[in-house]
Each structure stands twice: as structure tokens, then as C-alpha cells.
Amino acid sequence: MFTSILMIEKPLVPTDVELVTTLHGDEEMSFIVLMQPRGDQDRLLRALDDVALGEFGDAGREADEPEDEAAREPAERALTHSVAALREAGAHAVGQLVDSHPLQLLTAVVAETSADEVIVLTAPHLVEEFFHRDWASRARHKVDVPVLKLFAHAE
């Protein structure tokens, strides 16, 4: 069985489920899904990303999205939905919320599960990517398995 750690920031949509479950052909897949609730520490970066992508209206609405403790319940629902969607697609899947220090948790989970790869499924974060501060870039320096970065779909 091929084991992937899947780091997400929003619920998986059907296109994303199909993408990650078919990456390795017919091989049986197992996923450990890590979801970090939205925090206010990166509000400015999200707004800058929205402006860079020409989504000016979204930049102005960043403060309207739940963050920190208020974001925990929506993140739990998103995680539950995503794990269920992966299972419905025939994969083994479990999930966990990231309370703090996502890269420390990722490193520990890779070691504990002998994962084969890490998949970071995220929206474009132009500012963080430019400075190599995004999850995928930072994870590549922390784990000894391949790290694949994919862009999440919006449906």
C-alpha cells in the first residue's frame, strides 16, 4: 500500500479527490490528511496573494473569514468531509487537525507512518512561494520523502 500524507487548507472537491487517488495508477492508496485551521498570522499574505492574482474583492474580505479558534469547527467539518471523500473513492484515509507547528507534526507523522510521500494541496500563495516559505518548500527541508505540490481546484 502506498501511503501519502496530504496537507490541505480547504475541503477536497471531487476533482482533487480524483487527482490524488489516481496519482499512482491502480496502487492501493492510504492517506493521512493534515488540515490546519485558518489563522490570523497569515492574513496579510493571503490579502497580498489575492491582489497579485487580481482578486481584489477577496483581498478586502480576508477579515470576514473565521480565524484561530473560530476556524476550528469549519476546519473539523472540512477534514471530516475530505476523509470521507477519499474513503468513498476507495482509499484508506484518516485525518488530523494541525493545532500548531504544522511542519513539526508533518515530520513526526512521516516518521511514525513510514509515509512514501507528502502531497501539499493548496491554493496558489504567490508571496510565500516566491520566498520559498510555503508548506511544500519548507517541508522539503524537513522530511526525507518526496514532497509534491499541487494546486487545489475551486468548484
Protein backbone atom coordinates (compact mmCIF):
# COMPACT_ATOMS: atom_id res chain seq x y z
CA MET A 1 0.00 0.00 0.00
CA PHE A 2 1.28 3.46 -0.92
CA THR A 3 0.98 5.97 1.94
CA SER A 4 0.67 9.70 1.30
CA ILE A 5 0.44 12.48 3.81
CA LEU A 6 -1.94 15.04 2.36
CA MET A 7 -1.67 18.59 3.72
CA ILE A 8 -4.76 20.66 2.90
CA GLU A 9 -6.20 24.04 3.82
CA LYS A 10 -9.74 23.64 2.49
CA PRO A 11 -12.14 20.73 1.88
CA LEU A 12 -11.33 18.45 -1.01
CA VAL A 13 -13.56 18.81 -4.06
CA PRO A 14 -14.25 15.83 -6.36
CA THR A 15 -11.57 16.90 -8.85
CA ASP A 16 -8.95 16.98 -6.08
CA VAL A 17 -10.03 13.57 -4.78
CA GLU A 18 -9.71 12.08 -8.24
CA LEU A 19 -6.32 13.71 -8.73
CA VAL A 20 -4.71 12.44 -5.54
CA THR A 21 -6.28 8.98 -5.63
CA THR A 22 -5.11 8.31 -9.19
CA LEU A 23 -1.56 9.67 -8.94
CA HIS A 24 -0.11 6.19 -8.63
CA GLY A 25 -2.31 4.29 -11.02
CA ASP A 26 -4.08 1.25 -9.61
CA GLU A 27 -1.93 1.01 -6.49
CA GLU A 28 -3.88 0.84 -3.23
CA MET A 29 -3.67 4.23 -1.51
CA SER A 30 -3.64 5.29 2.12
CA PHE A 31 -3.87 8.94 3.16
CA ILE A 32 -3.13 10.75 6.38
CA VAL A 33 -4.84 14.11 5.92
CA LEU A 34 -3.49 17.07 7.89
CA MET A 35 -5.66 20.19 7.95
CA GLN A 36 -4.59 23.42 9.59
CA PRO A 37 -7.38 25.75 10.71
CA ARG A 38 -7.09 29.23 9.29
CA GLY A 39 -5.06 31.59 11.48
CA ASP A 40 -4.66 35.33 11.55
CA GLN A 41 -0.85 35.08 11.31
CA ASP A 42 -1.01 34.92 7.53
CA ARG A 43 -3.89 37.31 6.84
CA LEU A 44 -1.60 39.88 5.19
CA LEU A 45 -0.01 37.23 2.95
CA ARG A 46 -3.45 35.98 1.87
CA ALA A 47 -4.53 39.53 1.02
CA LEU A 48 -1.32 40.10 -0.98
CA ASP A 49 -1.90 36.83 -2.83
CA ASP A 50 -5.44 37.94 -3.69
CA VAL A 51 -4.15 41.25 -5.06
CA ALA A 52 -1.36 39.51 -7.02
CA LEU A 53 -3.94 37.18 -8.57
CA GLY A 54 -6.22 40.11 -9.45
CA GLU A 55 -8.88 39.05 -6.94
CA PHE A 56 -9.25 42.49 -5.37
CA GLY A 57 -12.64 41.80 -3.82
CA ASP A 58 -11.29 38.75 -1.99
CA ALA A 59 -8.44 40.81 -0.55
CA GLY A 60 -10.94 43.13 1.10
CA ARG A 61 -12.90 40.23 2.57
CA GLU A 62 -9.99 38.49 4.30
CA ALA A 63 -11.02 39.85 7.69
CA ASP A 64 -14.51 38.34 7.30
CA GLU A 65 -13.24 34.74 7.32
CA PRO A 66 -13.15 32.90 10.68
CA GLU A 67 -9.67 32.53 12.12
CA ASP A 68 -7.92 30.86 15.03
CA GLU A 69 -10.38 29.27 17.48
CA ALA A 70 -13.41 30.33 15.39
CA ALA A 71 -11.88 28.48 12.42
CA ARG A 72 -11.54 25.19 14.30
CA GLU A 73 -15.12 23.99 13.75
CA PRO A 74 -15.15 24.73 9.98
CA ALA A 75 -11.75 23.03 9.71
CA GLU A 76 -13.07 19.93 11.52
CA ARG A 77 -16.02 19.78 9.11
CA ALA A 78 -13.68 20.20 6.12
CA LEU A 79 -11.41 17.45 7.42
CA THR A 80 -14.32 15.06 8.03
CA HIS A 81 -15.68 15.76 4.54
CA SER A 82 -12.26 15.25 2.92
CA VAL A 83 -11.53 11.97 4.71
CA ALA A 84 -14.99 10.67 3.78
CA ALA A 85 -14.49 11.67 0.13
CA LEU A 86 -11.17 9.81 -0.03
CA ARG A 87 -12.76 6.71 1.52
CA GLU A 88 -15.65 6.86 -0.95
CA ALA A 89 -13.05 6.88 -3.73
CA GLY A 90 -11.68 3.60 -2.38
CA ALA A 91 -8.66 4.85 -0.43
CA HIS A 92 -7.86 4.28 3.21
CA ALA A 93 -7.90 7.64 4.98
CA VAL A 94 -7.58 9.18 8.42
CA GLY A 95 -7.31 12.82 9.35
CA GLN A 96 -5.97 15.15 11.97
CA LEU A 97 -6.24 18.88 12.65
CA VAL A 98 -2.97 20.72 12.98
CA ASP A 99 -3.09 22.60 16.27
CA SER A 100 0.26 24.32 15.88
CA HIS A 101 3.64 23.84 14.22
CA PRO A 102 2.48 22.07 11.04
CA LEU A 103 5.99 21.13 9.93
CA GLN A 104 6.85 19.53 13.27
CA LEU A 105 3.67 17.48 13.10
CA LEU A 106 4.38 16.57 9.47
CA THR A 107 7.89 15.40 10.34
CA ALA A 108 6.55 13.27 13.20
CA VAL A 109 3.77 11.73 11.10
CA VAL A 110 6.19 10.89 8.27
CA ALA A 111 8.45 9.11 10.76
CA GLU A 112 5.61 7.32 12.59
CA THR A 113 3.86 6.06 9.46
CA SER A 114 6.83 5.46 7.14
CA ALA A 115 4.94 7.51 4.57
CA ASP A 116 6.04 7.27 0.94
CA GLU A 117 5.39 10.91 0.05
CA VAL A 118 3.91 14.21 1.13
CA ILE A 119 1.35 15.97 -1.03
CA VAL A 120 0.68 19.64 -0.33
CA LEU A 121 -2.65 20.54 -1.93
CA THR A 122 -3.13 24.27 -1.68
CA ALA A 123 -4.33 27.40 -3.40
CA PRO A 124 -1.60 29.49 -5.02
CA HIS A 125 0.31 31.55 -2.45
CA LEU A 126 2.46 33.71 -4.68
CA VAL A 127 4.23 35.70 -1.98
CA GLU A 128 5.16 32.67 0.12
CA GLU A 129 6.16 30.67 -2.96
CA PHE A 130 8.38 33.49 -4.23
CA PHE A 131 10.30 33.50 -0.95
CA HIS A 132 10.11 29.68 -0.60
CA ARG A 133 8.17 29.98 2.66
CA ASP A 134 5.19 27.88 1.54
CA TRP A 135 4.47 24.50 3.14
CA ALA A 136 5.90 22.47 0.26
CA SER A 137 9.19 24.38 0.09
CA ARG A 138 9.69 24.22 3.83
CA ALA A 139 8.63 20.55 4.04
CA ARG A 140 11.27 19.54 1.50
CA HIS A 141 13.92 20.52 4.07
CA LYS A 142 12.25 18.62 6.92
CA VAL A 143 11.29 15.19 5.57
CA ASP A 144 13.21 12.50 3.74
CA VAL A 145 10.42 11.61 1.32
CA PRO A 146 9.33 13.29 -1.92
CA VAL A 147 7.14 16.37 -1.49
CA LEU A 148 4.67 17.08 -4.28
CA LYS A 149 2.93 20.43 -4.50
CA LEU A 150 -0.44 20.52 -6.26
CA PHE A 151 -2.88 23.37 -6.66
CA ALA A 152 -6.34 22.74 -5.26
CA HIS A 153 -9.36 23.15 -7.50
CA ALA A 154 -12.22 25.51 -6.75
CA GLU A 155 -15.59 24.09 -7.72
